[in-house]
Amino acid sequence: MSDFTLQALLHLRDGSNFQWYVIPLLAFVFYVYTVESEKRNWNLILAGLAFWGADWVNEIVNSLFLRFNGYAPMWAEPGPSAYLILVGLNIETMFMFAVAGIIWAKMLHPDKHFKYLGIPNRWAVAFGGALFSVIIEVLLNSVNALTWDWPWWSQSMPLLIFIFGYLWFFVFAFWVYDMKEFKQKVQVVGGLWVGIILCLIVFAGFLKWI
């Protein structure tokens, strides 16, 4: 295994790294969802949960990728953390993704046909958000907080990170946001999270693969 992978696995789900700043982060996430619930912004909440769920899908796939190649995941988070949940996901970034979808969905225009700089606003926000996210990843990689061991998933090959690492999160979340039927939104997002929970139970709980 790569050095970064071994570093990450050394801290994987190690409760001794706990730090109290996790509690205010959790409170912040609760606050964001409570405020939007109070305003009955269900479209925004479901878009946020869709975005968050999309990241969990990527993280599970990333961990399974390590399991089957035995060398390195596509990305790892070997740096200091209060709790490393999966090889590429610590509790700090998990809380960030929990609210990121809501933040980005707030940038959408009420009219989905409205254009920002000549680009349909959904696509403008999605591309801008994905690009911003890749830039942040490059900065994190520069200090080894988030690491890459594969040449096709790296700073020299950012397209895959842009498309599969982030863009589809935005496209999926905004697709949920624009669904006409509330019931359909709940079914899609609920089905996504049921699948995520089942995968975590099977792959992390029973099989110990991730």
C-alpha atoms as a PDB file:
ATOM      1  CA  MET A   1       0.000   0.000   0.000  1.00  0.00           C
ATOM      2  CA  SER A   2       1.042   3.599  -0.519  1.00  0.00           C
ATOM      3  CA  ASP A   3       2.415   5.570   2.423  1.00  0.00           C
ATOM      4  CA  PHE A   4      -0.576   7.913   2.428  1.00  0.00           C
ATOM      5  CA  THR A   5      -2.978   4.969   2.461  1.00  0.00           C
ATOM      6  CA  LEU A   6      -1.192   3.377   5.400  1.00  0.00           C
ATOM      7  CA  GLN A   7      -1.283   6.696   7.263  1.00  0.00           C
ATOM      8  CA  ALA A   8      -5.015   6.982   6.713  1.00  0.00           C
ATOM      9  CA  LEU A   9      -5.776   3.388   7.666  1.00  0.00           C
ATOM     10  CA  LEU A  10      -3.811   3.848  10.881  1.00  0.00           C
ATOM     11  CA  HIS A  11      -6.426   6.384  12.023  1.00  0.00           C
ATOM     12  CA  LEU A  12      -9.504   4.798  10.451  1.00  0.00           C
ATOM     13  CA  ARG A  13     -12.400   4.984  12.916  1.00  0.00           C
ATOM     14  CA  ASP A  14     -10.029   5.548  15.839  1.00  0.00           C
ATOM     15  CA  GLY A  15     -12.070   7.217  18.576  1.00  0.00           C
ATOM     16  CA  SER A  16      -8.966   8.310  20.474  1.00  0.00           C
ATOM     17  CA  ASN A  17      -8.544  11.187  17.997  1.00  0.00           C
ATOM     18  CA  PHE A  18     -11.807  12.829  19.095  1.00  0.00           C
ATOM     19  CA  GLN A  19     -11.788  16.609  19.500  1.00  0.00           C
ATOM     20  CA  TRP A  20     -14.540  18.707  21.091  1.00  0.00           C
ATOM     21  CA  TYR A  21     -14.839  21.041  18.090  1.00  0.00           C
ATOM     22  CA  VAL A  22     -16.882  18.273  16.449  1.00  0.00           C
ATOM     23  CA  ILE A  23     -19.838  19.197  18.672  1.00  0.00           C
ATOM     24  CA  PRO A  24     -20.251  22.805  17.431  1.00  0.00           C
ATOM     25  CA  LEU A  25     -19.836  21.523  13.867  1.00  0.00           C
ATOM     26  CA  LEU A  26     -22.707  19.115  14.483  1.00  0.00           C
ATOM     27  CA  ALA A  27     -24.755  21.938  16.010  1.00  0.00           C
ATOM     28  CA  PHE A  28     -24.088  24.078  12.931  1.00  0.00           C
ATOM     29  CA  VAL A  29     -25.433  21.342  10.631  1.00  0.00           C
ATOM     30  CA  PHE A  30     -28.534  20.964  12.821  1.00  0.00           C
ATOM     31  CA  TYR A  31     -29.006  24.734  12.781  1.00  0.00           C
ATOM     32  CA  VAL A  32     -28.870  24.955   8.977  1.00  0.00           C
ATOM     33  CA  TYR A  33     -31.437  22.199   8.486  1.00  0.00           C
ATOM     34  CA  THR A  34     -33.647  23.517  11.305  1.00  0.00           C
ATOM     35  CA  VAL A  35     -33.729  27.017   9.816  1.00  0.00           C
ATOM     36  CA  GLU A  36     -34.653  25.704   6.376  1.00  0.00           C
ATOM     37  CA  SER A  37     -37.295  23.395   7.907  1.00  0.00           C
ATOM     38  CA  GLU A  38     -38.770  26.341   9.789  1.00  0.00           C
ATOM     39  CA  LYS A  39     -39.060  28.160   6.474  1.00  0.00           C
ATOM     40  CA  ARG A  40     -40.511  24.993   4.891  1.00  0.00           C
ATOM     41  CA  ASN A  41     -37.820  25.044   2.219  1.00  0.00           C
ATOM     42  CA  TRP A  42     -38.272  21.339   1.519  1.00  0.00           C
ATOM     43  CA  ASN A  43     -36.844  21.608  -2.019  1.00  0.00           C
ATOM     44  CA  LEU A  44     -33.664  23.073  -0.579  1.00  0.00           C
ATOM     45  CA  ILE A  45     -33.415  20.459   2.167  1.00  0.00           C
ATOM     46  CA  LEU A  46     -33.908  17.570  -0.251  1.00  0.00           C
ATOM     47  CA  ALA A  47     -31.355  19.050  -2.646  1.00  0.00           C
ATOM     48  CA  GLY A  48     -28.932  19.275   0.273  1.00  0.00           C
ATOM     49  CA  LEU A  49     -29.548  15.664   1.249  1.00  0.00           C
ATOM     50  CA  ALA A  50     -29.138  14.592  -2.385  1.00  0.00           C
ATOM     51  CA  PHE A  51     -25.783  16.384  -2.597  1.00  0.00           C
ATOM     52  CA  TRP A  52     -24.636  14.892   0.705  1.00  0.00           C
ATOM     53  CA  GLY A  53     -25.760  11.438  -0.369  1.00  0.00           C
ATOM     54  CA  ALA A  54     -23.883  11.754  -3.653  1.00  0.00           C
ATOM     55  CA  ASP A  55     -20.683  12.326  -1.711  1.00  0.00           C
ATOM     56  CA  TRP A  56     -21.346   9.233   0.417  1.00  0.00           C
ATOM     57  CA  VAL A  57     -21.736   7.196  -2.781  1.00  0.00           C
ATOM     58  CA  ASN A  58     -18.358   8.446  -3.980  1.00  0.00           C
ATOM     59  CA  GLU A  59     -16.740   7.739  -0.623  1.00  0.00           C
ATOM     60  CA  ILE A  60     -18.052   4.173  -0.526  1.00  0.00           C
ATOM     61  CA  VAL A  61     -16.888   3.555  -4.102  1.00  0.00           C
ATOM     62  CA  ASN A  62     -13.500   5.068  -3.236  1.00  0.00           C
ATOM     63  CA  SER A  63     -13.112   2.755  -0.238  1.00  0.00           C
ATOM     64  CA  LEU A  64     -14.166  -0.289  -2.256  1.00  0.00           C
ATOM     65  CA  PHE A  65     -11.647   0.707  -4.929  1.00  0.00           C
ATOM     66  CA  LEU A  66      -8.908   0.465  -2.296  1.00  0.00           C
ATOM     67  CA  ARG A  67     -10.261  -2.867  -1.115  1.00  0.00           C
ATOM     68  CA  PHE A  68     -10.025  -4.408  -4.570  1.00  0.00           C
ATOM     69  CA  ASN A  69      -6.721  -2.913  -5.787  1.00  0.00           C
ATOM     70  CA  GLY A  70      -4.891  -3.174  -2.466  1.00  0.00           C
ATOM     71  CA  TYR A  71      -2.638  -0.181  -3.129  1.00  0.00           C
ATOM     72  CA  ALA A  72      -4.473   3.119  -2.753  1.00  0.00           C
ATOM     73  CA  PRO A  73      -7.894   4.733  -2.968  1.00  0.00           C
ATOM     74  CA  MET A  74      -8.493   7.469  -5.526  1.00  0.00           C
ATOM     75  CA  TRP A  75      -8.185   9.963  -2.671  1.00  0.00           C
ATOM     76  CA  ALA A  76      -7.303   9.673   0.996  1.00  0.00           C
ATOM     77  CA  GLU A  77      -7.417  11.962   4.025  1.00  0.00           C
ATOM     78  CA  PRO A  78      -4.363  10.945   6.068  1.00  0.00           C
ATOM     79  CA  GLY A  79      -3.984  14.242   7.886  1.00  0.00           C
ATOM     80  CA  PRO A  80      -5.072  15.126  11.429  1.00  0.00           C
ATOM     81  CA  SER A  81      -8.795  14.672  12.060  1.00  0.00           C
ATOM     82  CA  ALA A  82     -11.125  14.226  15.002  1.00  0.00           C
ATOM     83  CA  TYR A  83     -12.460  11.067  13.335  1.00  0.00           C
ATOM     84  CA  LEU A  84     -11.700   9.373  10.028  1.00  0.00           C
ATOM     85  CA  ILE A  85     -14.925   7.690   8.918  1.00  0.00           C
ATOM     86  CA  LEU A  86     -13.720   6.182   5.638  1.00  0.00           C
ATOM     87  CA  VAL A  87     -10.280   6.262   4.048  1.00  0.00           C
ATOM     88  CA  GLY A  88     -11.195   9.379   2.059  1.00  0.00           C
ATOM     89  CA  LEU A  89     -13.727  10.968   4.395  1.00  0.00           C
ATOM     90  CA  ASN A  90     -13.159  12.528   7.787  1.00  0.00           C
ATOM     91  CA  ILE A  91     -15.839  13.930  10.047  1.00  0.00           C
ATOM     92  CA  GLU A  92     -14.906  17.536   9.246  1.00  0.00           C
ATOM     93  CA  THR A  93     -15.445  17.127   5.508  1.00  0.00           C
ATOM     94  CA  MET A  94     -18.575  15.064   6.173  1.00  0.00           C
ATOM     95  CA  PHE A  95     -20.152  17.985   8.005  1.00  0.00           C
ATOM     96  CA  MET A  96     -19.093  20.315   5.200  1.00  0.00           C
ATOM     97  CA  PHE A  97     -20.807  18.138   2.589  1.00  0.00           C
ATOM     98  CA  ALA A  98     -23.883  17.932   4.821  1.00  0.00           C
ATOM     99  CA  VAL A  99     -24.571  21.633   4.243  1.00  0.00           C
ATOM    100  CA  ALA A 100     -22.786  22.264   0.938  1.00  0.00           C
ATOM    101  CA  GLY A 101     -25.766  21.234  -1.188  1.00  0.00           C
ATOM    102  CA  ILE A 102     -28.022  23.700   0.603  1.00  0.00           C
ATOM    103  CA  ILE A 103     -25.484  26.483   0.202  1.00  0.00           C
ATOM    104  CA  TRP A 104     -25.051  25.917  -3.524  1.00  0.00           C
ATOM    105  CA  ALA A 105     -28.773  25.416  -4.160  1.00  0.00           C
ATOM    106  CA  LYS A 106     -29.384  28.852  -2.623  1.00  0.00           C
ATOM    107  CA  MET A 107     -27.466  30.274  -5.585  1.00  0.00           C
ATOM    108  CA  LEU A 108     -30.015  28.944  -8.061  1.00  0.00           C
ATOM    109  CA  HIS A 109     -32.391  31.396  -9.710  1.00  0.00           C
ATOM    110  CA  PRO A 110     -36.118  30.699  -9.082  1.00  0.00           C
ATOM    111  CA  ASP A 111     -36.542  30.440 -12.855  1.00  0.00           C
ATOM    112  CA  LYS A 112     -34.544  27.446 -14.049  1.00  0.00           C
ATOM    113  CA  HIS A 113     -34.410  28.948 -17.540  1.00  0.00           C
ATOM    114  CA  PHE A 114     -32.735  32.149 -16.340  1.00  0.00           C
ATOM    115  CA  LYS A 115     -29.123  32.476 -17.487  1.00  0.00           C
ATOM    116  CA  TYR A 116     -26.005  33.625 -15.686  1.00  0.00           C
ATOM    117  CA  LEU A 117     -23.562  35.127 -18.201  1.00  0.00           C
ATOM    118  CA  GLY A 118     -25.453  33.406 -21.013  1.00  0.00           C
ATOM    119  CA  ILE A 119     -25.358  29.975 -19.329  1.00  0.00           C
ATOM    120  CA  PRO A 120     -28.503  28.346 -17.866  1.00  0.00           C
ATOM    121  CA  ASN A 121     -28.206  29.077 -14.148  1.00  0.00           C
ATOM    122  CA  ARG A 122     -28.329  25.427 -13.062  1.00  0.00           C
ATOM    123  CA  TRP A 123     -25.360  24.566 -15.235  1.00  0.00           C
ATOM    124  CA  ALA A 124     -23.545  27.799 -14.366  1.00  0.00           C
ATOM    125  CA  VAL A 125     -23.762  27.055 -10.631  1.00  0.00           C
ATOM    126  CA  ALA A 126     -22.902  23.375 -11.171  1.00  0.00           C
ATOM    127  CA  PHE A 127     -19.802  24.121 -13.255  1.00  0.00           C
ATOM    128  CA  GLY A 128     -18.737  26.981 -11.011  1.00  0.00           C
ATOM    129  CA  GLY A 129     -19.242  24.896  -7.867  1.00  0.00           C
ATOM    130  CA  ALA A 130     -17.365  21.906  -9.260  1.00  0.00           C
ATOM    131  CA  LEU A 131     -14.484  24.119 -10.395  1.00  0.00           C
ATOM    132  CA  PHE A 132     -14.314  25.819  -6.996  1.00  0.00           C
ATOM    133  CA  SER A 133     -14.294  22.408  -5.298  1.00  0.00           C
ATOM    134  CA  VAL A 134     -11.427  21.152  -7.455  1.00  0.00           C
ATOM    135  CA  ILE A 135      -9.384  24.267  -6.629  1.00  0.00           C
ATOM    136  CA  ILE A 136      -9.962  23.626  -2.912  1.00  0.00           C
ATOM    137  CA  GLU A 137      -8.879  19.998  -3.379  1.00  0.00           C
ATOM    138  CA  VAL A 138      -5.671  21.113  -5.073  1.00  0.00           C
ATOM    139  CA  LEU A 139      -4.932  23.403  -2.119  1.00  0.00           C
ATOM    140  CA  LEU A 140      -5.640  20.598   0.355  1.00  0.00           C
ATOM    141  CA  ASN A 141      -3.431  18.272  -1.649  1.00  0.00           C
ATOM    142  CA  SER A 142      -0.585  20.787  -1.505  1.00  0.00           C
ATOM    143  CA  VAL A 143      -0.431  20.336   2.281  1.00  0.00           C
ATOM    144  CA  ASN A 144      -1.110  16.561   2.159  1.00  0.00           C
ATOM    145  CA  ALA A 145      -4.457  16.947   3.907  1.00  0.00           C
ATOM    146  CA  LEU A 146      -6.063  15.209   0.941  1.00  0.00           C
ATOM    147  CA  THR A 147      -3.805  12.957  -1.098  1.00  0.00           C
ATOM    148  CA  TRP A 148      -3.755  11.300  -4.532  1.00  0.00           C
ATOM    149  CA  ASP A 149      -1.658   8.290  -5.531  1.00  0.00           C
ATOM    150  CA  TRP A 150      -2.946   7.644  -9.048  1.00  0.00           C
ATOM    151  CA  PRO A 151      -1.741   9.755 -12.006  1.00  0.00           C
ATOM    152  CA  TRP A 152      -5.191   9.707 -13.622  1.00  0.00           C
ATOM    153  CA  TRP A 153      -6.717  11.223 -10.470  1.00  0.00           C
ATOM    154  CA  SER A 154      -4.384  14.082  -9.662  1.00  0.00           C
ATOM    155  CA  GLN A 155      -3.597  17.738 -10.191  1.00  0.00           C
ATOM    156  CA  SER A 156      -2.180  16.892 -13.615  1.00  0.00           C
ATOM    157  CA  MET A 157      -5.440  15.167 -14.592  1.00  0.00           C
ATOM    158  CA  PRO A 158      -8.176  17.260 -12.939  1.00  0.00           C
ATOM    159  CA  LEU A 159     -10.951  16.438 -15.419  1.00  0.00           C
ATOM    160  CA  LEU A 160     -11.954  13.209 -13.689  1.00  0.00           C
ATOM    161  CA  ILE A 161     -11.970  14.974 -10.319  1.00  0.00           C
ATOM    162  CA  PHE A 162     -14.108  17.732 -11.822  1.00  0.00           C
ATOM    163  CA  ILE A 163     -16.671  15.401 -13.431  1.00  0.00           C
ATOM    164  CA  PHE A 164     -16.842  12.362 -11.185  1.00  0.00           C
ATOM    165  CA  GLY A 165     -15.550  13.956  -8.012  1.00  0.00           C
ATOM    166  CA  TYR A 166     -17.952  16.888  -7.993  1.00  0.00           C
ATOM    167  CA  LEU A 167     -19.973  17.845 -11.070  1.00  0.00           C
ATOM    168  CA  TRP A 168     -22.399  14.964 -10.801  1.00  0.00           C
ATOM    169  CA  PHE A 169     -23.154  15.959  -7.165  1.00  0.00           C
ATOM    170  CA  PHE A 170     -24.437  19.316  -8.382  1.00  0.00           C
ATOM    171  CA  VAL A 171     -26.314  17.935 -11.386  1.00  0.00           C
ATOM    172  CA  PHE A 172     -28.023  15.308  -9.246  1.00  0.00           C
ATOM    173  CA  ALA A 173     -28.915  17.732  -6.438  1.00  0.00           C
ATOM    174  CA  PHE A 174     -30.300  20.335  -8.836  1.00  0.00           C
ATOM    175  CA  TRP A 175     -32.260  17.660 -10.703  1.00  0.00           C
ATOM    176  CA  VAL A 176     -33.916  16.725  -7.403  1.00  0.00           C
ATOM    177  CA  TYR A 177     -34.478  20.403  -6.627  1.00  0.00           C
ATOM    178  CA  ASP A 178     -36.347  20.927  -9.917  1.00  0.00           C
ATOM    179  CA  MET A 179     -38.541  17.828  -9.753  1.00  0.00           C
ATOM    180  CA  LYS A 180     -42.201  18.821  -9.980  1.00  0.00           C
ATOM    181  CA  GLU A 181     -43.587  16.186  -7.645  1.00  0.00           C
ATOM    182  CA  PHE A 182     -42.601  16.386  -3.976  1.00  0.00           C
ATOM    183  CA  LYS A 183     -43.336  12.679  -3.583  1.00  0.00           C
ATOM    184  CA  GLN A 184     -40.835  11.869  -6.319  1.00  0.00           C
ATOM    185  CA  LYS A 185     -38.156  13.963  -4.604  1.00  0.00           C
ATOM    186  CA  VAL A 186     -38.688  12.092  -1.339  1.00  0.00           C
ATOM    187  CA  GLN A 187     -38.623   8.714  -3.095  1.00  0.00           C
ATOM    188  CA  VAL A 188     -35.368   9.472  -4.934  1.00  0.00           C
ATOM    189  CA  VAL A 189     -33.556  10.951  -1.939  1.00  0.00           C
ATOM    190  CA  GLY A 190     -34.973   8.367   0.449  1.00  0.00           C
ATOM    191  CA  GLY A 191     -33.977   5.527  -1.865  1.00  0.00           C
ATOM    192  CA  LEU A 192     -30.472   6.974  -2.160  1.00  0.00           C
ATOM    193  CA  TRP A 193     -30.003   7.091   1.614  1.00  0.00           C
ATOM    194  CA  VAL A 194     -31.451   3.625   2.161  1.00  0.00           C
ATOM    195  CA  GLY A 195     -28.894   2.336  -0.350  1.00  0.00           C
ATOM    196  CA  ILE A 196     -26.060   4.210   1.395  1.00  0.00           C
ATOM    197  CA  ILE A 197     -27.004   2.873   4.826  1.00  0.00           C
ATOM    198  CA  LEU A 198     -27.286  -0.693   3.517  1.00  0.00           C
ATOM    199  CA  CYS A 199     -23.869  -0.408   1.840  1.00  0.00           C
ATOM    200  CA  LEU A 200     -22.290   0.860   5.063  1.00  0.00           C
ATOM    201  CA  ILE A 201     -23.899  -1.940   7.077  1.00  0.00           C
ATOM    202  CA  VAL A 202     -22.754  -4.616   4.618  1.00  0.00           C
ATOM    203  CA  PHE A 203     -19.330  -3.333   3.528  1.00  0.00           C
ATOM    204  CA  ALA A 204     -18.196  -1.671   6.770  1.00  0.00           C
ATOM    205  CA  GLY A 205     -20.201  -3.551   9.386  1.00  0.00           C
ATOM    206  CA  PHE A 206     -20.329  -7.148   8.208  1.00  0.00           C
ATOM    207  CA  LEU A 207     -17.642  -7.612   5.560  1.00  0.00           C
ATOM    208  CA  LYS A 208     -15.144  -5.096   7.005  1.00  0.00           C
ATOM    209  CA  TRP A 209     -14.124  -4.135   3.481  1.00  0.00           C
ATOM    210  CA  ILE A 210     -14.158  -0.366   3.978  1.00  0.00           C
END
